[in-house]
Amino acid sequence: MSVIDLRSDTVTQPTAGMREAMLRAEVGDDVYGEDPTVKRLERHLASRLGFAEGLFVPTGTMSNLLGLMAHCERGDEYIVGQEAHTYKYEGGGAAVLGSIQPQPLAVEADGTLDLVRVAAAIKPDDFHFARTRLLALENTMQSKVLPLTYLAAARQLTREHGLALHLDGARLYNAAVKLGVEAREITQHFDSVSVCLSKGLGAPIGSVLCGSAELIGKARRLRKMVGGGMRQAGILAAAGLYALQHQVERLAEDHANAALLAEGLCELGYRVEPVQTNMVYVQLGPQAPALKGFLAERGVKVTAAERLRLVTHLDVSSADTRKVIEAFAAFRLH
């Protein structure tokens, strides 16, 4: 029985074209700065997003960590969403490894942070307080796309208060495709951005941190410090290049399948949150574990959360989506 895995868009398998690109990749020792494919990926994405330089790293967690540590010193503070990955889902790395104090704020229903609350959270220049240095946003935020007007306002606020602005752009291209703009229209407002290649874009591994030459120089040293220096990494970078060149526009298919799934579940009577990109959130309550087991018997993998997240991706077709709806319907009746 074939399996339909809706747990995350990190479960994708490399396509045939991506595997071929990896096989042909020209490589060198990247710690010495000699891997041509890694350098090509870093230059390509930095240029595409409007930054001076990029840095290829194994994971999005490391990319965000290096960005935060490059912007902040020990004892500094960054303002961040309560539900943001950099605060909640990345092991507390900024605090543990960077000695950077997080100042979390509630995330609004649309995925934004209230900029009035952000301004109020900025500490005065007083030795009693940690020094507020950075605002970190996430786009998409639990599949919600931050409006361009909001990003411009956030940029203006950070300039007025002398803060840097970092973007966790793990699903940056989902946001860009949803808005119908080039990703640079989003990233132009930020001082640094972390782009994950192994989620919707479908590469098996890797993220790229983009920023100024000074920031990336600092991040490169920090990468070595935390064990992120890789040798013949061009094999992995080739997958990222292929994803950026061939698998961006098709994200619209994932969004369409998510919308199809949401519509089908709504018709069955499930409580479904509005869908923007490739995630469907379903309010299940205590029946979540029973549903997980029922779906697993029918070849559908999900988590067992009461607020169930279903994620569409390149290995989930429209036909697969209809099968999932049928499985949910069967659970409703059993």
C-alpha atoms as a PDB file:
ATOM      1  CA  MET A   1       0.000   0.000   0.000  1.00  0.00           C
ATOM      2  CA  SER A   2       1.377   3.392  -0.984  1.00  0.00           C
ATOM      3  CA  VAL A   3       1.630   5.915   1.842  1.00  0.00           C
ATOM      4  CA  ILE A   4       0.329   9.485   1.757  1.00  0.00           C
ATOM      5  CA  ASP A   5       2.383  11.409   4.301  1.00  0.00           C
ATOM      6  CA  LEU A   6       0.801  14.665   5.457  1.00  0.00           C
ATOM      7  CA  ARG A   7       2.908  15.216   8.572  1.00  0.00           C
ATOM      8  CA  SER A   8       5.156  17.839   6.954  1.00  0.00           C
ATOM      9  CA  ASP A   9       6.604  19.040   3.658  1.00  0.00           C
ATOM     10  CA  THR A  10       9.998  17.887   4.969  1.00  0.00           C
ATOM     11  CA  VAL A  11       9.189  14.269   4.017  1.00  0.00           C
ATOM     12  CA  THR A  12       9.551  14.785   0.261  1.00  0.00           C
ATOM     13  CA  GLN A  13      11.769  12.518  -1.810  1.00  0.00           C
ATOM     14  CA  PRO A  14      14.266  13.926  -4.364  1.00  0.00           C
ATOM     15  CA  THR A  15      12.887  13.866  -7.894  1.00  0.00           C
ATOM     16  CA  ALA A  16      14.687  12.052 -10.708  1.00  0.00           C
ATOM     17  CA  GLY A  17      15.994  15.348 -12.092  1.00  0.00           C
ATOM     18  CA  MET A  18      17.283  16.380  -8.682  1.00  0.00           C
ATOM     19  CA  ARG A  19      19.070  13.059  -8.198  1.00  0.00           C
ATOM     20  CA  GLU A  20      20.712  13.479 -11.592  1.00  0.00           C
ATOM     21  CA  ALA A  21      21.871  16.984 -10.659  1.00  0.00           C
ATOM     22  CA  MET A  22      23.344  15.655  -7.434  1.00  0.00           C
ATOM     23  CA  LEU A  23      25.129  12.879  -9.305  1.00  0.00           C
ATOM     24  CA  ARG A  24      26.740  15.359 -11.718  1.00  0.00           C
ATOM     25  CA  ALA A  25      27.654  17.989  -9.111  1.00  0.00           C
ATOM     26  CA  GLU A  26      31.157  19.420  -9.225  1.00  0.00           C
ATOM     27  CA  VAL A  27      32.551  19.400  -5.689  1.00  0.00           C
ATOM     28  CA  GLY A  28      35.425  20.619  -3.527  1.00  0.00           C
ATOM     29  CA  ASP A  29      36.142  21.218   0.147  1.00  0.00           C
ATOM     30  CA  ASP A  30      33.673  23.864   1.260  1.00  0.00           C
ATOM     31  CA  VAL A  31      35.440  24.554   4.572  1.00  0.00           C
ATOM     32  CA  TYR A  32      38.349  25.761   2.420  1.00  0.00           C
ATOM     33  CA  GLY A  33      35.836  27.668   0.290  1.00  0.00           C
ATOM     34  CA  GLU A  34      36.597  25.424  -2.690  1.00  0.00           C
ATOM     35  CA  ASP A  35      33.257  23.798  -3.507  1.00  0.00           C
ATOM     36  CA  PRO A  36      32.073  25.428  -6.755  1.00  0.00           C
ATOM     37  CA  THR A  37      28.503  24.141  -6.501  1.00  0.00           C
ATOM     38  CA  VAL A  38      28.077  25.456  -2.966  1.00  0.00           C
ATOM     39  CA  LYS A  39      29.425  28.844  -4.034  1.00  0.00           C
ATOM     40  CA  ARG A  40      27.081  28.855  -7.025  1.00  0.00           C
ATOM     41  CA  LEU A  41      24.079  28.157  -4.775  1.00  0.00           C
ATOM     42  CA  GLU A  42      25.081  30.863  -2.293  1.00  0.00           C
ATOM     43  CA  ARG A  43      25.619  33.467  -5.036  1.00  0.00           C
ATOM     44  CA  HIS A  44      22.448  32.487  -6.870  1.00  0.00           C
ATOM     45  CA  LEU A  45      20.108  32.782  -3.901  1.00  0.00           C
ATOM     46  CA  ALA A  46      21.751  35.885  -2.418  1.00  0.00           C
ATOM     47  CA  SER A  47      21.518  37.685  -5.752  1.00  0.00           C
ATOM     48  CA  ARG A  48      17.967  36.522  -6.334  1.00  0.00           C
ATOM     49  CA  LEU A  49      16.862  37.842  -2.930  1.00  0.00           C
ATOM     50  CA  GLY A  50      18.818  41.103  -3.053  1.00  0.00           C
ATOM     51  CA  PHE A  51      21.654  40.359  -0.612  1.00  0.00           C
ATOM     52  CA  ALA A  52      25.421  40.594  -0.888  1.00  0.00           C
ATOM     53  CA  GLU A  53      26.227  37.025   0.175  1.00  0.00           C
ATOM     54  CA  GLY A  54      24.775  33.699   1.241  1.00  0.00           C
ATOM     55  CA  LEU A  55      25.890  30.831   3.465  1.00  0.00           C
ATOM     56  CA  PHE A  56      24.883  27.195   2.912  1.00  0.00           C
ATOM     57  CA  VAL A  57      24.191  25.252   6.118  1.00  0.00           C
ATOM     58  CA  PRO A  58      22.721  21.825   6.913  1.00  0.00           C
ATOM     59  CA  THR A  59      19.455  22.935   8.544  1.00  0.00           C
ATOM     60  CA  GLY A  60      17.021  25.781   8.961  1.00  0.00           C
ATOM     61  CA  THR A  61      17.571  25.647  12.710  1.00  0.00           C
ATOM     62  CA  MET A  62      21.272  26.338  12.205  1.00  0.00           C
ATOM     63  CA  SER A  63      20.582  29.041   9.635  1.00  0.00           C
ATOM     64  CA  ASN A  64      18.306  30.922  12.031  1.00  0.00           C
ATOM     65  CA  LEU A  65      20.714  30.411  14.931  1.00  0.00           C
ATOM     66  CA  LEU A  66      23.643  31.821  12.958  1.00  0.00           C
ATOM     67  CA  GLY A  67      21.531  34.768  11.866  1.00  0.00           C
ATOM     68  CA  LEU A  68      20.486  35.606  15.419  1.00  0.00           C
ATOM     69  CA  MET A  69      24.029  35.173  16.755  1.00  0.00           C
ATOM     70  CA  ALA A  70      25.494  37.282  13.960  1.00  0.00           C
ATOM     71  CA  HIS A  71      23.098  40.124  14.756  1.00  0.00           C
ATOM     72  CA  CYS A  72      23.279  39.932  18.562  1.00  0.00           C
ATOM     73  CA  GLU A  73      25.953  39.726  21.231  1.00  0.00           C
ATOM     74  CA  ARG A  74      25.753  37.963  24.595  1.00  0.00           C
ATOM     75  CA  GLY A  75      23.163  39.686  26.765  1.00  0.00           C
ATOM     76  CA  ASP A  76      21.295  41.219  23.838  1.00  0.00           C
ATOM     77  CA  GLU A  77      17.610  40.577  23.182  1.00  0.00           C
ATOM     78  CA  TYR A  78      15.486  39.727  20.187  1.00  0.00           C
ATOM     79  CA  ILE A  79      11.727  40.218  19.875  1.00  0.00           C
ATOM     80  CA  VAL A  80       9.917  37.216  18.411  1.00  0.00           C
ATOM     81  CA  GLY A  81       6.515  35.566  18.129  1.00  0.00           C
ATOM     82  CA  GLN A  82       5.400  33.198  20.880  1.00  0.00           C
ATOM     83  CA  GLU A  83       4.711  30.506  18.261  1.00  0.00           C
ATOM     84  CA  ALA A  84       7.709  31.261  16.028  1.00  0.00           C
ATOM     85  CA  HIS A  85      10.153  28.491  15.217  1.00  0.00           C
ATOM     86  CA  THR A  86      13.171  30.489  16.356  1.00  0.00           C
ATOM     87  CA  TYR A  87      11.633  30.765  19.816  1.00  0.00           C
ATOM     88  CA  LYS A  88       9.498  27.641  20.323  1.00  0.00           C
ATOM     89  CA  TYR A  89      10.756  24.878  18.052  1.00  0.00           C
ATOM     90  CA  GLU A  90      14.528  25.257  17.760  1.00  0.00           C
ATOM     91  CA  GLY A  91      15.662  23.976  21.145  1.00  0.00           C
ATOM     92  CA  GLY A  92      16.201  27.397  22.698  1.00  0.00           C
ATOM     93  CA  GLY A  93      19.442  27.668  20.737  1.00  0.00           C
ATOM     94  CA  ALA A  94      19.607  31.454  20.731  1.00  0.00           C
ATOM     95  CA  ALA A  95      19.495  31.502  24.540  1.00  0.00           C
ATOM     96  CA  VAL A  96      21.595  28.379  25.157  1.00  0.00           C
ATOM     97  CA  LEU A  97      24.316  28.909  22.551  1.00  0.00           C
ATOM     98  CA  GLY A  98      24.137  32.651  21.886  1.00  0.00           C
ATOM     99  CA  SER A  99      23.175  33.946  25.348  1.00  0.00           C
ATOM    100  CA  ILE A 100      20.535  36.001  23.527  1.00  0.00           C
ATOM    101  CA  GLN A 101      17.414  36.755  25.528  1.00  0.00           C
ATOM    102  CA  PRO A 102      14.140  36.195  23.658  1.00  0.00           C
ATOM    103  CA  GLN A 103      11.256  38.577  24.246  1.00  0.00           C
ATOM    104  CA  PRO A 104       8.265  36.609  22.937  1.00  0.00           C
ATOM    105  CA  LEU A 105       5.004  38.307  21.969  1.00  0.00           C
ATOM    106  CA  ALA A 106       1.620  36.840  21.122  1.00  0.00           C
ATOM    107  CA  VAL A 107       1.092  36.119  17.431  1.00  0.00           C
ATOM    108  CA  GLU A 108      -1.985  37.714  15.899  1.00  0.00           C
ATOM    109  CA  ALA A 109      -4.600  35.661  14.031  1.00  0.00           C
ATOM    110  CA  ASP A 110      -3.127  36.708  10.677  1.00  0.00           C
ATOM    111  CA  GLY A 111       0.393  35.572  11.642  1.00  0.00           C
ATOM    112  CA  THR A 112       1.767  39.048  12.306  1.00  0.00           C
ATOM    113  CA  LEU A 113       3.111  40.625  15.471  1.00  0.00           C
ATOM    114  CA  ASP A 114       1.261  43.754  16.580  1.00  0.00           C
ATOM    115  CA  LEU A 115       3.803  46.480  15.861  1.00  0.00           C
ATOM    116  CA  VAL A 116       2.449  48.655  18.669  1.00  0.00           C
ATOM    117  CA  ARG A 117       3.260  45.824  21.070  1.00  0.00           C
ATOM    118  CA  VAL A 118       6.633  45.349  19.407  1.00  0.00           C
ATOM    119  CA  ALA A 119       7.472  49.019  19.975  1.00  0.00           C
ATOM    120  CA  ALA A 120       6.346  48.780  23.606  1.00  0.00           C
ATOM    121  CA  ALA A 121       8.580  45.735  24.148  1.00  0.00           C
ATOM    122  CA  ILE A 122      11.761  47.519  23.026  1.00  0.00           C
ATOM    123  CA  LYS A 123      13.854  48.137  26.118  1.00  0.00           C
ATOM    124  CA  PRO A 124      15.130  51.611  26.994  1.00  0.00           C
ATOM    125  CA  ASP A 125      18.868  52.274  26.932  1.00  0.00           C
ATOM    126  CA  ASP A 126      19.389  51.387  30.591  1.00  0.00           C
ATOM    127  CA  PHE A 127      21.873  48.942  32.110  1.00  0.00           C
ATOM    128  CA  HIS A 128      19.029  47.285  34.028  1.00  0.00           C
ATOM    129  CA  PHE A 129      17.761  45.792  30.777  1.00  0.00           C
ATOM    130  CA  ALA A 130      18.971  43.526  28.036  1.00  0.00           C
ATOM    131  CA  ARG A 131      19.710  45.506  24.863  1.00  0.00           C
ATOM    132  CA  THR A 132      17.002  45.029  22.251  1.00  0.00           C
ATOM    133  CA  ARG A 133      18.829  44.474  18.963  1.00  0.00           C
ATOM    134  CA  LEU A 134      16.603  42.491  16.621  1.00  0.00           C
ATOM    135  CA  LEU A 135      13.059  41.757  15.507  1.00  0.00           C
ATOM    136  CA  ALA A 136      12.557  38.272  14.047  1.00  0.00           C
ATOM    137  CA  LEU A 137       9.541  37.507  11.846  1.00  0.00           C
ATOM    138  CA  GLU A 138       8.441  34.297  10.168  1.00  0.00           C
ATOM    139  CA  ASN A 139       6.826  34.042   6.717  1.00  0.00           C
ATOM    140  CA  THR A 140       4.789  31.968   6.219  1.00  0.00           C
ATOM    141  CA  MET A 141       3.694  31.835   9.851  1.00  0.00           C
ATOM    142  CA  GLN A 142       1.787  28.585  10.349  1.00  0.00           C
ATOM    143  CA  SER A 143       0.924  28.822   6.617  1.00  0.00           C
ATOM    144  CA  LYS A 144      -0.266  32.430   6.873  1.00  0.00           C
ATOM    145  CA  VAL A 145       1.330  34.949   4.504  1.00  0.00           C
ATOM    146  CA  LEU A 146       2.444  38.274   5.972  1.00  0.00           C
ATOM    147  CA  PRO A 147       1.188  41.212   3.868  1.00  0.00           C
ATOM    148  CA  LEU A 148       3.801  43.296   2.051  1.00  0.00           C
ATOM    149  CA  THR A 149       2.409  46.469   3.616  1.00  0.00           C
ATOM    150  CA  TYR A 150       2.979  44.947   7.057  1.00  0.00           C
ATOM    151  CA  LEU A 151       6.575  44.071   6.199  1.00  0.00           C
ATOM    152  CA  ALA A 152       7.199  47.634   5.073  1.00  0.00           C
ATOM    153  CA  ALA A 153       5.761  48.925   8.343  1.00  0.00           C
ATOM    154  CA  ALA A 154       7.935  46.511  10.343  1.00  0.00           C
ATOM    155  CA  ARG A 155      10.985  47.722   8.410  1.00  0.00           C
ATOM    156  CA  GLN A 156      10.126  51.322   9.194  1.00  0.00           C
ATOM    157  CA  LEU A 157       9.669  50.527  12.885  1.00  0.00           C
ATOM    158  CA  THR A 158      13.017  48.764  13.167  1.00  0.00           C
ATOM    159  CA  ARG A 159      14.795  51.649  11.436  1.00  0.00           C
ATOM    160  CA  GLU A 160      13.235  54.151  13.801  1.00  0.00           C
ATOM    161  CA  HIS A 161      14.448  52.147  16.810  1.00  0.00           C
ATOM    162  CA  GLY A 162      17.826  51.046  15.473  1.00  0.00           C
ATOM    163  CA  LEU A 163      16.954  47.350  15.296  1.00  0.00           C
ATOM    164  CA  ALA A 164      17.915  44.753  12.711  1.00  0.00           C
ATOM    165  CA  LEU A 165      15.158  42.692  11.055  1.00  0.00           C
ATOM    166  CA  HIS A 166      15.562  38.952  10.441  1.00  0.00           C
ATOM    167  CA  LEU A 167      13.229  36.700   8.450  1.00  0.00           C
ATOM    168  CA  ASP A 168      12.752  33.027   9.120  1.00  0.00           C
ATOM    169  CA  GLY A 169      11.796  32.333   5.530  1.00  0.00           C
ATOM    170  CA  ALA A 170      11.596  28.561   5.853  1.00  0.00           C
ATOM    171  CA  ARG A 171       8.611  28.716   3.497  1.00  0.00           C
ATOM    172  CA  LEU A 172       9.461  32.034   1.843  1.00  0.00           C
ATOM    173  CA  TYR A 173       8.622  30.737  -1.611  1.00  0.00           C
ATOM    174  CA  ASN A 174       5.182  29.552  -0.527  1.00  0.00           C
ATOM    175  CA  ALA A 175       4.532  33.145   0.532  1.00  0.00           C
ATOM    176  CA  ALA A 176       5.876  34.547  -2.735  1.00  0.00           C
ATOM    177  CA  VAL A 177       3.830  32.170  -4.877  1.00  0.00           C
ATOM    178  CA  LYS A 178       0.689  32.930  -2.882  1.00  0.00           C
ATOM    179  CA  LEU A 179       1.224  36.690  -3.300  1.00  0.00           C
ATOM    180  CA  GLY A 180       2.174  36.307  -6.962  1.00  0.00           C
ATOM    181  CA  VAL A 181       5.430  38.228  -6.525  1.00  0.00           C
ATOM    182  CA  GLU A 182       9.135  37.557  -6.759  1.00  0.00           C
ATOM    183  CA  ALA A 183      10.574  36.487  -3.405  1.00  0.00           C
ATOM    184  CA  ARG A 184      12.750  39.621  -3.486  1.00  0.00           C
ATOM    185  CA  GLU A 185       9.602  41.710  -2.966  1.00  0.00           C
ATOM    186  CA  ILE A 186       9.407  40.115   0.481  1.00  0.00           C
ATOM    187  CA  THR A 187      13.091  39.948   1.390  1.00  0.00           C
ATOM    188  CA  GLN A 188      13.856  43.564   0.423  1.00  0.00           C
ATOM    189  CA  HIS A 189      12.546  44.622   3.833  1.00  0.00           C
ATOM    190  CA  PHE A 190      15.004  42.468   5.844  1.00  0.00           C
ATOM    191  CA  ASP A 191      18.625  42.590   6.940  1.00  0.00           C
ATOM    192  CA  SER A 192      18.917  38.811   6.813  1.00  0.00           C
ATOM    193  CA  VAL A 193      16.822  35.870   5.701  1.00  0.00           C
ATOM    194  CA  SER A 194      16.984  32.127   6.258  1.00  0.00           C
ATOM    195  CA  VAL A 195      15.612  30.066   3.357  1.00  0.00           C
ATOM    196  CA  CYS A 196      14.934  26.361   3.826  1.00  0.00           C
ATOM    197  CA  LEU A 197      15.475  24.171   0.771  1.00  0.00           C
ATOM    198  CA  SER A 198      14.170  20.930   2.284  1.00  0.00           C
ATOM    199  CA  LYS A 199      10.529  21.844   2.852  1.00  0.00           C
ATOM    200  CA  GLY A 200       8.195  22.756  -0.011  1.00  0.00           C
ATOM    201  CA  LEU A 201      11.091  23.132  -2.436  1.00  0.00           C
ATOM    202  CA  GLY A 202      11.819  19.433  -2.014  1.00  0.00           C
ATOM    203  CA  ALA A 203      15.588  19.232  -1.530  1.00  0.00           C
ATOM    204  CA  PRO A 204      16.745  16.503   0.881  1.00  0.00           C
ATOM    205  CA  ILE A 205      18.771  18.826   3.109  1.00  0.00           C
ATOM    206  CA  GLY A 206      19.998  22.368   3.526  1.00  0.00           C
ATOM    207  CA  SER A 207      19.198  26.012   4.148  1.00  0.00           C
ATOM    208  CA  VAL A 208      20.850  29.267   3.089  1.00  0.00           C
ATOM    209  CA  LEU A 209      21.353  32.339   5.256  1.00  0.00           C
ATOM    210  CA  CYS A 210      21.553  35.556   3.232  1.00  0.00           C
ATOM    211  CA  GLY A 211      22.710  38.975   4.374  1.00  0.00           C
ATOM    212  CA  SER A 212      25.460  41.567   4.112  1.00  0.00           C
ATOM    213  CA  ALA A 213      29.080  40.552   3.534  1.00  0.00           C
ATOM    214  CA  GLU A 214      29.893  41.507   7.130  1.00  0.00           C
ATOM    215  CA  LEU A 215      27.026  39.499   8.608  1.00  0.00           C
ATOM    216  CA  ILE A 216      27.730  36.411   6.492  1.00  0.00           C
ATOM    217  CA  GLY A 217      31.429  36.631   7.357  1.00  0.00           C
ATOM    218  CA  LYS A 218      30.528  36.497  11.025  1.00  0.00           C
ATOM    219  CA  ALA A 219      27.998  33.718  10.422  1.00  0.00           C
ATOM    220  CA  ARG A 220      30.599  31.654   8.542  1.00  0.00           C
ATOM    221  CA  ARG A 221      32.867  31.692  11.598  1.00  0.00           C
ATOM    222  CA  LEU A 222      29.916  30.792  13.818  1.00  0.00           C
ATOM    223  CA  ARG A 223      28.985  27.942  11.452  1.00  0.00           C
ATOM    224  CA  LYS A 224      32.375  26.371  12.055  1.00  0.00           C
ATOM    225  CA  MET A 225      31.987  26.884  15.797  1.00  0.00           C
ATOM    226  CA  VAL A 226      28.699  24.959  15.970  1.00  0.00           C
ATOM    227  CA  GLY A 227      29.877  22.162  13.694  1.00  0.00           C
ATOM    228  CA  GLY A 228      28.168  23.191  10.481  1.00  0.00           C
ATOM    229  CA  GLY A 229      31.202  23.243   8.216  1.00  0.00           C
ATOM    230  CA  MET A 230      30.859  20.594   5.511  1.00  0.00           C
ATOM    231  CA  ARG A 231      33.387  19.256   3.033  1.00  0.00           C
ATOM    232  CA  GLN A 232      32.243  18.104  -0.441  1.00  0.00           C
ATOM    233  CA  ALA A 233      28.840  19.636   0.149  1.00  0.00           C
ATOM    234  CA  GLY A 234      28.221  20.416  -3.512  1.00  0.00           C
ATOM    235  CA  ILE A 235      26.287  17.165  -3.823  1.00  0.00           C
ATOM    236  CA  LEU A 236      23.750  18.645  -1.421  1.00  0.00           C
ATOM    237  CA  ALA A 237      23.943  22.174  -2.816  1.00  0.00           C
ATOM    238  CA  ALA A 238      23.146  20.812  -6.280  1.00  0.00           C
ATOM    239  CA  ALA A 239      19.804  19.598  -4.957  1.00  0.00           C
ATOM    240  CA  GLY A 240      19.083  23.069  -3.621  1.00  0.00           C
ATOM    241  CA  LEU A 241      19.966  24.716  -6.915  1.00  0.00           C
ATOM    242  CA  TYR A 242      17.750  22.279  -8.789  1.00  0.00           C
ATOM    243  CA  ALA A 243      14.877  23.004  -6.394  1.00  0.00           C
ATOM    244  CA  LEU A 244      15.206  26.767  -6.871  1.00  0.00           C
ATOM    245  CA  GLN A 245      15.391  26.434 -10.651  1.00  0.00           C
ATOM    246  CA  HIS A 246      12.655  23.841 -11.169  1.00  0.00           C
ATOM    247  CA  GLN A 247      10.369  23.505  -8.155  1.00  0.00           C
ATOM    248  CA  VAL A 248       9.241  26.974  -7.114  1.00  0.00           C
ATOM    249  CA  GLU A 249       6.280  27.603  -9.418  1.00  0.00           C
ATOM    250  CA  ARG A 250       4.831  24.160  -8.711  1.00  0.00           C
ATOM    251  CA  LEU A 251       4.212  25.192  -5.083  1.00  0.00           C
ATOM    252  CA  ALA A 252       0.901  26.524  -6.402  1.00  0.00           C
ATOM    253  CA  GLU A 253      -0.140  22.887  -6.877  1.00  0.00           C
ATOM    254  CA  ASP A 254       0.426  22.240  -3.171  1.00  0.00           C
ATOM    255  CA  HIS A 255      -1.688  25.275  -2.319  1.00  0.00           C
ATOM    256  CA  ALA A 256      -4.462  24.054  -4.599  1.00  0.00           C
ATOM    257  CA  ASN A 257      -4.402  20.595  -3.020  1.00  0.00           C
ATOM    258  CA  ALA A 258      -4.536  22.129   0.457  1.00  0.00           C
ATOM    259  CA  ALA A 259      -7.570  24.164  -0.580  1.00  0.00           C
ATOM    260  CA  LEU A 260      -9.175  21.022  -2.044  1.00  0.00           C
ATOM    261  CA  LEU A 261      -8.516  19.123   1.170  1.00  0.00           C
ATOM    262  CA  ALA A 262      -9.900  21.910   3.338  1.00  0.00           C
ATOM    263  CA  GLU A 263     -13.060  22.166   1.229  1.00  0.00           C
ATOM    264  CA  GLY A 264     -13.620  18.411   1.392  1.00  0.00           C
ATOM    265  CA  LEU A 265     -13.160  18.267   5.158  1.00  0.00           C
ATOM    266  CA  CYS A 266     -15.464  21.246   5.679  1.00  0.00           C
ATOM    267  CA  GLU A 267     -18.168  19.482   3.678  1.00  0.00           C
ATOM    268  CA  LEU A 268     -17.773  16.482   5.987  1.00  0.00           C
ATOM    269  CA  GLY A 269     -18.391  18.689   9.018  1.00  0.00           C
ATOM    270  CA  TYR A 270     -14.851  19.035  10.305  1.00  0.00           C
ATOM    271  CA  ARG A 271     -13.776  22.350  11.846  1.00  0.00           C
ATOM    272  CA  VAL A 272     -11.147  23.670   9.432  1.00  0.00           C
ATOM    273  CA  GLU A 273      -9.224  26.931   9.715  1.00  0.00           C
ATOM    274  CA  PRO A 274      -8.963  29.170   6.618  1.00  0.00           C
ATOM    275  CA  VAL A 275      -6.244  27.991   4.225  1.00  0.00           C
ATOM    276  CA  GLN A 276      -3.731  30.235   2.458  1.00  0.00           C
ATOM    277  CA  THR A 277      -0.840  28.037   1.367  1.00  0.00           C
ATOM    278  CA  ASN A 278       0.034  24.363   1.878  1.00  0.00           C
ATOM    279  CA  MET A 279      -1.211  23.679   5.404  1.00  0.00           C
ATOM    280  CA  VAL A 280      -4.654  22.663   6.599  1.00  0.00           C
ATOM    281  CA  TYR A 281      -5.399  22.977  10.315  1.00  0.00           C
ATOM    282  CA  VAL A 282      -8.281  20.875  11.638  1.00  0.00           C
ATOM    283  CA  GLN A 283      -9.692  21.207  15.163  1.00  0.00           C
ATOM    284  CA  LEU A 284     -10.147  17.598  16.290  1.00  0.00           C
ATOM    285  CA  GLY A 285     -10.133  17.578  20.071  1.00  0.00           C
ATOM    286  CA  PRO A 286      -9.696  14.257  21.918  1.00  0.00           C
ATOM    287  CA  GLN A 287     -10.489  12.108  18.868  1.00  0.00           C
ATOM    288  CA  ALA A 288      -7.050  12.890  17.369  1.00  0.00           C
ATOM    289  CA  PRO A 289      -5.255   9.665  18.487  1.00  0.00           C
ATOM    290  CA  ALA A 290      -8.084   7.468  17.219  1.00  0.00           C
ATOM    291  CA  LEU A 291      -8.076   9.280  13.877  1.00  0.00           C
ATOM    292  CA  LYS A 292      -4.311   8.852  13.525  1.00  0.00           C
ATOM    293  CA  GLY A 293      -4.577   5.096  13.952  1.00  0.00           C
ATOM    294  CA  PHE A 294      -7.576   4.837  11.623  1.00  0.00           C
ATOM    295  CA  LEU A 295      -5.828   6.780   8.866  1.00  0.00           C
ATOM    296  CA  ALA A 296      -2.587   4.836   9.294  1.00  0.00           C
ATOM    297  CA  GLU A 297      -4.453   1.611   8.527  1.00  0.00           C
ATOM    298  CA  ARG A 298      -5.475   3.229   5.235  1.00  0.00           C
ATOM    299  CA  GLY A 299      -2.013   4.457   4.288  1.00  0.00           C
ATOM    300  CA  VAL A 300      -2.324   8.072   5.468  1.00  0.00           C
ATOM    301  CA  LYS A 301       0.259   9.424   7.931  1.00  0.00           C
ATOM    302  CA  VAL A 302      -0.699  12.318  10.226  1.00  0.00           C
ATOM    303  CA  THR A 303       0.305  13.572  13.654  1.00  0.00           C
ATOM    304  CA  ALA A 304      -1.987  13.048  16.648  1.00  0.00           C
ATOM    305  CA  ALA A 305      -2.454  16.688  17.615  1.00  0.00           C
ATOM    306  CA  GLU A 306      -5.848  18.004  18.691  1.00  0.00           C
ATOM    307  CA  ARG A 307      -5.150  20.916  16.346  1.00  0.00           C
ATOM    308  CA  LEU A 308      -4.180  18.675  13.458  1.00  0.00           C
ATOM    309  CA  ARG A 309      -1.835  20.059  10.799  1.00  0.00           C
ATOM    310  CA  LEU A 310      -2.051  18.470   7.352  1.00  0.00           C
ATOM    311  CA  VAL A 311       0.703  19.554   4.959  1.00  0.00           C
ATOM    312  CA  THR A 312       0.565  19.107   1.187  1.00  0.00           C
ATOM    313  CA  HIS A 313       3.766  18.836  -0.842  1.00  0.00           C
ATOM    314  CA  LEU A 314       5.227  17.595  -4.113  1.00  0.00           C
ATOM    315  CA  ASP A 315       4.651  13.922  -3.207  1.00  0.00           C
ATOM    316  CA  VAL A 316       0.916  14.476  -2.609  1.00  0.00           C
ATOM    317  CA  SER A 317      -1.193  14.608  -5.772  1.00  0.00           C
ATOM    318  CA  SER A 318      -4.762  15.780  -6.222  1.00  0.00           C
ATOM    319  CA  ALA A 319      -5.768  12.113  -6.444  1.00  0.00           C
ATOM    320  CA  ASP A 320      -4.005  11.480  -3.132  1.00  0.00           C
ATOM    321  CA  THR A 321      -5.867  14.427  -1.645  1.00  0.00           C
ATOM    322  CA  ARG A 322      -9.218  12.930  -2.643  1.00  0.00           C
ATOM    323  CA  LYS A 323      -8.206   9.621  -1.058  1.00  0.00           C
ATOM    324  CA  VAL A 324      -7.440  11.456   2.173  1.00  0.00           C
ATOM    325  CA  ILE A 325     -10.877  13.093   2.119  1.00  0.00           C
ATOM    326  CA  GLU A 326     -12.438   9.659   1.608  1.00  0.00           C
ATOM    327  CA  ALA A 327     -10.486   8.302   4.580  1.00  0.00           C
ATOM    328  CA  PHE A 328     -11.699  11.157   6.785  1.00  0.00           C
ATOM    329  CA  ALA A 329     -15.247  10.466   5.612  1.00  0.00           C
ATOM    330  CA  ALA A 330     -14.876   6.796   6.555  1.00  0.00           C
ATOM    331  CA  PHE A 331     -13.647   7.775  10.016  1.00  0.00           C
ATOM    332  CA  ARG A 332     -16.703   9.992  10.426  1.00  0.00           C
ATOM    333  CA  LEU A 333     -18.943   7.006   9.754  1.00  0.00           C
ATOM    334  CA  HIS A 334     -17.106   4.197  11.570  1.00  0.00           C
END
